[in-house]
Amino acid sequence: MTIRYHWRGAFGNDELAALHAEGFGGPVEPIDWRDRLERHSLGWVCARPAVDGPLVGFVNVAWDGGAHAFLLDTVVAAGARHGGVGGRLVAAAAEGARAAGCAWLHVDFEEHLRPFYLNACGFRPTAAGLLRL
């Protein structure tokens, strides 16, 4: 199956909520994703097998308004996993951030995702901190 990747691609709130819930194991929540992303993101990448096909992958690219972009909510539908969709989502996000003038792309991840982000996507480990609010 050929997957197409679209920087700032079209999506419906319901389909993104369903993909997010599937990927992160939570309930489908009625979030206005379009409004949230338009207000807070540099861009995002949508992955679909066809122009009008189902959303099978998504990643959000937040930023600081300058040189730093941040990956959030990288998710691939269960039926499309382990075929390179996630890596291509991240590559498209990196290209979109680079084209917008960013010099750095950051990502935080859980330990089990280390091989994906470091090996498949080319990130390098850095020291970071996290404060639960």
N, C-alpha and C. Protein backbone atom coordinates (compact mmCIF):
# COMPACT_ATOMS: atom_id res chain seq x y z
N MET A 1 0.85 -1.18 0.00
CA MET A 1 0.00 0.00 0.00
C MET A 1 0.90 1.24 0.00
N THR A 2 0.63 2.16 -0.90
CA THR A 2 1.35 3.42 -0.96
C THR A 2 0.71 4.41 -0.01
N ILE A 3 1.53 4.98 0.86
CA ILE A 3 1.06 5.99 1.81
C ILE A 3 1.57 7.35 1.35
N ARG A 4 0.72 8.34 1.41
CA ARG A 4 1.10 9.70 1.07
C ARG A 4 1.17 10.53 2.35
N TYR A 5 2.16 11.42 2.41
CA TYR A 5 2.42 12.23 3.59
C TYR A 5 2.19 13.69 3.23
N HIS A 6 1.37 14.37 4.02
CA HIS A 6 0.97 15.74 3.70
C HIS A 6 1.29 16.67 4.86
N TRP A 7 2.20 17.63 4.62
CA TRP A 7 2.51 18.68 5.59
C TRP A 7 1.28 19.56 5.71
N ARG A 8 0.82 19.78 6.91
CA ARG A 8 -0.39 20.55 7.21
C ARG A 8 -1.58 20.00 6.42
N GLY A 9 -1.63 18.67 6.35
CA GLY A 9 -2.69 17.98 5.62
C GLY A 9 -4.06 18.14 6.26
N ALA A 10 -5.07 17.90 5.45
CA ALA A 10 -6.46 17.99 5.91
C ALA A 10 -6.80 16.79 6.78
N PHE A 11 -7.63 17.03 7.78
CA PHE A 11 -8.11 15.95 8.65
C PHE A 11 -9.41 16.40 9.29
N GLY A 12 -10.19 15.45 9.75
CA GLY A 12 -11.38 15.74 10.52
C GLY A 12 -11.09 15.55 12.00
N ASN A 13 -11.70 16.35 12.84
CA ASN A 13 -11.49 16.23 14.28
C ASN A 13 -11.81 14.83 14.79
N ASP A 14 -12.90 14.24 14.29
CA ASP A 14 -13.30 12.91 14.75
C ASP A 14 -12.28 11.85 14.37
N GLU A 15 -11.75 11.90 13.14
CA GLU A 15 -10.79 10.87 12.73
C GLU A 15 -9.47 11.01 13.47
N LEU A 16 -9.03 12.24 13.75
CA LEU A 16 -7.80 12.42 14.51
C LEU A 16 -8.01 12.00 15.96
N ALA A 17 -9.15 12.30 16.53
CA ALA A 17 -9.45 11.87 17.90
C ALA A 17 -9.45 10.34 18.00
N ALA A 18 -10.02 9.68 17.01
CA ALA A 18 -10.06 8.21 17.02
C ALA A 18 -8.66 7.62 16.87
N LEU A 19 -7.84 8.16 15.97
CA LEU A 19 -6.47 7.68 15.80
C LEU A 19 -5.65 7.92 17.06
N HIS A 20 -5.79 9.08 17.66
CA HIS A 20 -5.09 9.42 18.88
C HIS A 20 -5.48 8.45 20.01
N ALA A 21 -6.77 8.19 20.16
CA ALA A 21 -7.24 7.27 21.20
C ALA A 21 -6.70 5.86 20.97
N GLU A 22 -6.71 5.41 19.73
CA GLU A 22 -6.17 4.09 19.41
C GLU A 22 -4.69 4.02 19.73
N GLY A 23 -3.95 5.00 19.32
CA GLY A 23 -2.51 4.98 19.49
C GLY A 23 -2.04 5.15 20.92
N PHE A 24 -2.77 5.92 21.71
CA PHE A 24 -2.34 6.20 23.08
C PHE A 24 -3.18 5.50 24.14
N GLY A 25 -4.12 4.67 23.69
CA GLY A 25 -4.88 3.84 24.61
C GLY A 25 -5.84 4.58 25.51
N GLY A 26 -6.40 5.66 25.03
CA GLY A 26 -7.36 6.42 25.83
C GLY A 26 -8.72 6.46 25.16
N PRO A 27 -9.64 7.16 25.76
CA PRO A 27 -10.96 7.30 25.15
C PRO A 27 -10.93 8.31 23.99
N VAL A 28 -11.88 8.19 23.10
CA VAL A 28 -12.04 9.18 22.03
C VAL A 28 -12.65 10.42 22.68
N GLU A 29 -11.90 11.52 22.64
CA GLU A 29 -12.36 12.74 23.27
C GLU A 29 -12.76 13.77 22.23
N PRO A 30 -13.81 14.56 22.52
CA PRO A 30 -14.28 15.58 21.57
C PRO A 30 -13.41 16.83 21.59
N ILE A 31 -12.24 16.74 20.97
CA ILE A 31 -11.29 17.85 20.95
C ILE A 31 -11.36 18.54 19.59
N ASP A 32 -11.32 19.85 19.60
CA ASP A 32 -11.24 20.59 18.34
C ASP A 32 -9.77 20.64 17.94
N TRP A 33 -9.31 19.55 17.34
CA TRP A 33 -7.92 19.43 16.94
C TRP A 33 -7.52 20.53 15.96
N ARG A 34 -8.38 20.84 15.03
CA ARG A 34 -8.05 21.86 14.02
C ARG A 34 -7.72 23.18 14.69
N ASP A 35 -8.55 23.62 15.60
CA ASP A 35 -8.32 24.88 16.30
C ASP A 35 -7.03 24.80 17.12
N ARG A 36 -6.84 23.72 17.84
CA ARG A 36 -5.65 23.56 18.67
C ARG A 36 -4.38 23.63 17.83
N LEU A 37 -4.35 22.91 16.73
CA LEU A 37 -3.16 22.89 15.90
C LEU A 37 -2.91 24.22 15.21
N GLU A 38 -3.96 24.84 14.73
CA GLU A 38 -3.80 26.15 14.08
C GLU A 38 -3.24 27.18 15.05
N ARG A 39 -3.62 27.10 16.34
CA ARG A 39 -3.17 28.08 17.32
C ARG A 39 -1.77 27.82 17.85
N HIS A 40 -1.36 26.54 17.93
CA HIS A 40 -0.15 26.21 18.67
C HIS A 40 0.94 25.51 17.87
N SER A 41 0.70 25.17 16.65
CA SER A 41 1.66 24.34 15.92
C SER A 41 2.28 25.05 14.74
N LEU A 42 3.52 24.69 14.47
CA LEU A 42 4.16 25.10 13.23
C LEU A 42 3.50 24.35 12.07
N GLY A 43 3.23 23.10 12.30
CA GLY A 43 2.59 22.26 11.28
C GLY A 43 2.34 20.87 11.83
N TRP A 44 1.94 20.00 10.95
CA TRP A 44 1.67 18.61 11.29
C TRP A 44 1.76 17.82 10.00
N VAL A 45 1.85 16.52 10.15
CA VAL A 45 1.89 15.65 8.98
C VAL A 45 0.80 14.61 9.12
N CYS A 46 0.01 14.46 8.07
CA CYS A 46 -1.02 13.43 8.00
C CYS A 46 -0.57 12.38 6.99
N ALA A 47 -0.78 11.11 7.32
CA ALA A 47 -0.47 10.01 6.41
C ALA A 47 -1.77 9.31 6.02
N ARG A 48 -1.93 9.13 4.71
CA ARG A 48 -3.14 8.48 4.16
C ARG A 48 -2.74 7.60 2.98
N PRO A 49 -3.45 6.48 2.80
CA PRO A 49 -3.16 5.64 1.65
C PRO A 49 -3.68 6.21 0.33
N ALA A 50 -4.53 7.19 0.39
CA ALA A 50 -5.07 7.86 -0.80
C ALA A 50 -5.58 9.22 -0.36
N VAL A 51 -5.86 10.08 -1.31
CA VAL A 51 -6.32 11.43 -0.98
C VAL A 51 -7.52 11.39 -0.06
N ASP A 52 -8.46 10.51 -0.31
CA ASP A 52 -9.66 10.44 0.51
C ASP A 52 -9.66 9.20 1.41
N GLY A 53 -8.49 8.57 1.57
CA GLY A 53 -8.39 7.38 2.41
C GLY A 53 -8.37 7.72 3.89
N PRO A 54 -8.42 6.70 4.71
CA PRO A 54 -8.43 6.93 6.16
C PRO A 54 -7.09 7.46 6.66
N LEU A 55 -7.14 8.20 7.74
CA LEU A 55 -5.94 8.71 8.38
C LEU A 55 -5.24 7.54 9.07
N VAL A 56 -4.00 7.22 8.63
CA VAL A 56 -3.28 6.09 9.21
C VAL A 56 -2.06 6.54 10.02
N GLY A 57 -1.73 7.82 9.96
CA GLY A 57 -0.61 8.32 10.73
C GLY A 57 -0.70 9.82 10.91
N PHE A 58 -0.08 10.30 11.99
CA PHE A 58 -0.12 11.73 12.30
C PHE A 58 1.04 12.08 13.22
N VAL A 59 1.59 13.26 13.03
CA VAL A 59 2.54 13.83 13.99
C VAL A 59 2.36 15.35 14.00
N ASN A 60 2.42 15.91 15.19
CA ASN A 60 2.28 17.35 15.40
C ASN A 60 3.68 17.95 15.56
N VAL A 61 3.89 19.13 15.00
CA VAL A 61 5.17 19.83 15.13
C VAL A 61 4.89 21.19 15.80
N ALA A 62 5.17 21.25 17.09
CA ALA A 62 5.06 22.51 17.83
C ALA A 62 6.39 23.25 17.66
N TRP A 63 6.42 24.52 18.06
CA TRP A 63 7.69 25.25 17.95
C TRP A 63 7.72 26.43 18.90
N ASP A 64 8.89 27.03 19.00
CA ASP A 64 9.08 28.17 19.88
C ASP A 64 9.00 29.49 19.12
N GLY A 65 8.65 29.45 17.87
CA GLY A 65 8.59 30.66 17.05
C GLY A 65 9.94 31.03 16.45
N GLY A 66 10.94 30.21 16.69
CA GLY A 66 12.28 30.50 16.19
C GLY A 66 12.95 29.25 15.64
N ALA A 67 14.05 28.85 16.26
CA ALA A 67 14.89 27.78 15.72
C ALA A 67 14.51 26.38 16.19
N HIS A 68 13.65 26.27 17.20
CA HIS A 68 13.36 24.96 17.80
C HIS A 68 11.95 24.48 17.49
N ALA A 69 11.87 23.25 16.98
CA ALA A 69 10.59 22.59 16.75
C ALA A 69 10.55 21.33 17.61
N PHE A 70 9.36 20.87 17.93
CA PHE A 70 9.17 19.77 18.86
C PHE A 70 8.12 18.80 18.32
N LEU A 71 8.46 17.52 18.28
CA LEU A 71 7.49 16.51 17.85
C LEU A 71 6.58 16.16 19.01
N LEU A 72 5.30 16.06 18.71
CA LEU A 72 4.29 15.64 19.68
C LEU A 72 3.31 14.69 19.00
N ASP A 73 2.80 13.76 19.76
CA ASP A 73 1.69 12.91 19.32
C ASP A 73 1.97 12.10 18.06
N THR A 74 3.19 11.58 17.91
CA THR A 74 3.47 10.70 16.77
C THR A 74 2.63 9.44 16.95
N VAL A 75 1.79 9.13 15.97
CA VAL A 75 0.89 7.98 16.10
C VAL A 75 0.64 7.36 14.73
N VAL A 76 0.61 6.03 14.72
CA VAL A 76 0.32 5.26 13.51
C VAL A 76 -0.77 4.25 13.85
N ALA A 77 -1.75 4.12 12.98
CA ALA A 77 -2.84 3.16 13.18
C ALA A 77 -2.27 1.75 13.29
N ALA A 78 -2.89 0.93 14.11
CA ALA A 78 -2.40 -0.42 14.37
C ALA A 78 -2.16 -1.20 13.08
N GLY A 79 -3.05 -1.11 12.13
CA GLY A 79 -2.92 -1.86 10.88
C GLY A 79 -1.83 -1.37 9.96
N ALA A 80 -1.24 -0.21 10.26
CA ALA A 80 -0.19 0.35 9.41
C ALA A 80 1.17 0.37 10.09
N ARG A 81 1.26 -0.20 11.29
CA ARG A 81 2.52 -0.18 12.04
C ARG A 81 3.54 -1.17 11.48
N HIS A 82 4.79 -0.92 11.77
CA HIS A 82 5.92 -1.79 11.43
C HIS A 82 6.17 -1.87 9.92
N GLY A 83 5.76 -0.82 9.21
CA GLY A 83 6.02 -0.76 7.77
C GLY A 83 6.74 0.51 7.36
N GLY A 84 7.24 1.27 8.32
CA GLY A 84 7.98 2.48 8.02
C GLY A 84 7.16 3.76 8.02
N VAL A 85 5.87 3.67 8.30
CA VAL A 85 5.02 4.86 8.29
C VAL A 85 5.49 5.88 9.32
N GLY A 86 5.80 5.43 10.53
CA GLY A 86 6.23 6.35 11.58
C GLY A 86 7.51 7.08 11.21
N GLY A 87 8.48 6.36 10.68
CA GLY A 87 9.73 7.00 10.27
C GLY A 87 9.54 8.01 9.17
N ARG A 88 8.66 7.70 8.23
CA ARG A 88 8.39 8.66 7.15
C ARG A 88 7.59 9.85 7.65
N LEU A 89 6.72 9.66 8.63
CA LEU A 89 6.03 10.79 9.26
C LEU A 89 7.04 11.74 9.88
N VAL A 90 7.98 11.19 10.63
CA VAL A 90 8.99 12.01 11.29
C VAL A 90 9.88 12.71 10.26
N ALA A 91 10.25 12.01 9.20
CA ALA A 91 11.07 12.63 8.15
C ALA A 91 10.33 13.79 7.49
N ALA A 92 9.04 13.61 7.23
CA ALA A 92 8.25 14.70 6.64
C ALA A 92 8.11 15.87 7.61
N ALA A 93 7.98 15.57 8.90
CA ALA A 93 7.91 16.63 9.91
C ALA A 93 9.22 17.39 9.98
N ALA A 94 10.34 16.67 9.91
CA ALA A 94 11.65 17.32 9.93
C ALA A 94 11.82 18.22 8.72
N GLU A 95 11.40 17.76 7.57
CA GLU A 95 11.51 18.57 6.36
C GLU A 95 10.63 19.82 6.45
N GLY A 96 9.43 19.68 6.97
CA GLY A 96 8.55 20.84 7.14
C GLY A 96 9.14 21.85 8.10
N ALA A 97 9.72 21.37 9.21
CA ALA A 97 10.34 22.28 10.18
C ALA A 97 11.58 22.95 9.57
N ARG A 98 12.37 22.19 8.84
CA ARG A 98 13.56 22.76 8.17
C ARG A 98 13.15 23.84 7.17
N ALA A 99 12.13 23.56 6.39
CA ALA A 99 11.66 24.52 5.39
C ALA A 99 11.13 25.80 6.03
N ALA A 100 10.64 25.69 7.28
CA ALA A 100 10.14 26.86 8.00
C ALA A 100 11.25 27.64 8.68
N GLY A 101 12.50 27.16 8.58
CA GLY A 101 13.63 27.87 9.14
C GLY A 101 14.10 27.37 10.49
N CYS A 102 13.55 26.26 10.97
CA CYS A 102 14.00 25.71 12.25
C CYS A 102 15.36 25.04 12.07
N ALA A 103 16.17 25.10 13.10
CA ALA A 103 17.49 24.49 13.09
C ALA A 103 17.55 23.21 13.92
N TRP A 104 16.59 23.03 14.82
CA TRP A 104 16.59 21.90 15.74
C TRP A 104 15.20 21.27 15.81
N LEU A 105 15.18 19.95 15.90
CA LEU A 105 13.93 19.21 16.11
C LEU A 105 14.11 18.35 17.35
N HIS A 106 13.28 18.58 18.35
CA HIS A 106 13.36 17.88 19.63
C HIS A 106 12.24 16.85 19.71
N VAL A 107 12.48 15.81 20.49
CA VAL A 107 11.42 14.84 20.79
C VAL A 107 11.69 14.23 22.16
N ASP A 108 10.65 14.07 22.94
CA ASP A 108 10.69 13.32 24.18
C ASP A 108 9.99 12.00 23.91
N PHE A 109 10.46 10.93 24.52
CA PHE A 109 9.83 9.64 24.27
C PHE A 109 10.03 8.71 25.45
N GLU A 110 9.16 7.71 25.53
CA GLU A 110 9.29 6.67 26.54
C GLU A 110 10.41 5.73 26.12
N GLU A 111 11.00 5.06 27.10
CA GLU A 111 12.17 4.22 26.86
C GLU A 111 11.95 3.17 25.77
N HIS A 112 10.77 2.59 25.69
CA HIS A 112 10.54 1.54 24.68
C HIS A 112 10.56 2.10 23.25
N LEU A 113 10.48 3.42 23.10
CA LEU A 113 10.53 4.05 21.77
C LEU A 113 11.94 4.50 21.39
N ARG A 114 12.92 4.28 22.25
CA ARG A 114 14.30 4.68 21.98
C ARG A 114 14.81 4.14 20.64
N PRO A 115 14.66 2.84 20.33
CA PRO A 115 15.16 2.36 19.03
C PRO A 115 14.50 3.05 17.84
N PHE A 116 13.23 3.35 17.96
CA PHE A 116 12.54 4.04 16.86
C PHE A 116 13.14 5.43 16.64
N TYR A 117 13.17 6.24 17.68
CA TYR A 117 13.63 7.62 17.49
C TYR A 117 15.14 7.73 17.24
N LEU A 118 15.94 6.92 17.93
CA LEU A 118 17.38 7.04 17.76
C LEU A 118 17.88 6.29 16.52
N ASN A 119 17.40 5.10 16.29
CA ASN A 119 17.90 4.29 15.17
C ASN A 119 17.14 4.56 13.87
N ALA A 120 15.83 4.46 13.91
CA ALA A 120 15.05 4.61 12.68
C ALA A 120 14.94 6.07 12.21
N CYS A 121 14.90 7.00 13.15
CA CYS A 121 14.69 8.41 12.79
C CYS A 121 15.95 9.27 12.84
N GLY A 122 17.00 8.79 13.46
CA GLY A 122 18.26 9.53 13.46
C GLY A 122 18.44 10.57 14.54
N PHE A 123 17.58 10.59 15.55
CA PHE A 123 17.79 11.51 16.67
C PHE A 123 19.00 11.04 17.46
N ARG A 124 19.63 11.96 18.18
CA ARG A 124 20.72 11.57 19.07
C ARG A 124 20.27 11.87 20.50
N PRO A 125 20.75 11.07 21.43
CA PRO A 125 20.32 11.28 22.82
C PRO A 125 20.89 12.58 23.39
N THR A 126 20.12 13.23 24.23
CA THR A 126 20.55 14.44 24.92
C THR A 126 20.05 14.38 26.36
N ALA A 127 20.66 15.15 27.21
CA ALA A 127 20.16 15.27 28.58
C ALA A 127 18.94 16.19 28.55
N ALA A 128 17.94 15.85 29.30
CA ALA A 128 16.74 16.68 29.36
C ALA A 128 16.14 16.55 30.75
N GLY A 129 15.21 17.40 31.04
CA GLY A 129 14.52 17.34 32.31
C GLY A 129 13.02 17.42 32.10
N LEU A 130 12.27 16.95 33.08
CA LEU A 130 10.82 16.96 33.00
C LEU A 130 10.27 17.25 34.37
N LEU A 131 9.32 18.13 34.45
CA LEU A 131 8.66 18.48 35.70
C LEU A 131 7.17 18.26 35.53
N ARG A 132 6.60 17.34 36.29
CA ARG A 132 5.15 17.11 36.23
C ARG A 132 4.44 18.26 36.93
N LEU A 133 3.47 18.85 36.26
CA LEU A 133 2.77 20.01 36.82
C LEU A 133 1.43 19.63 37.38
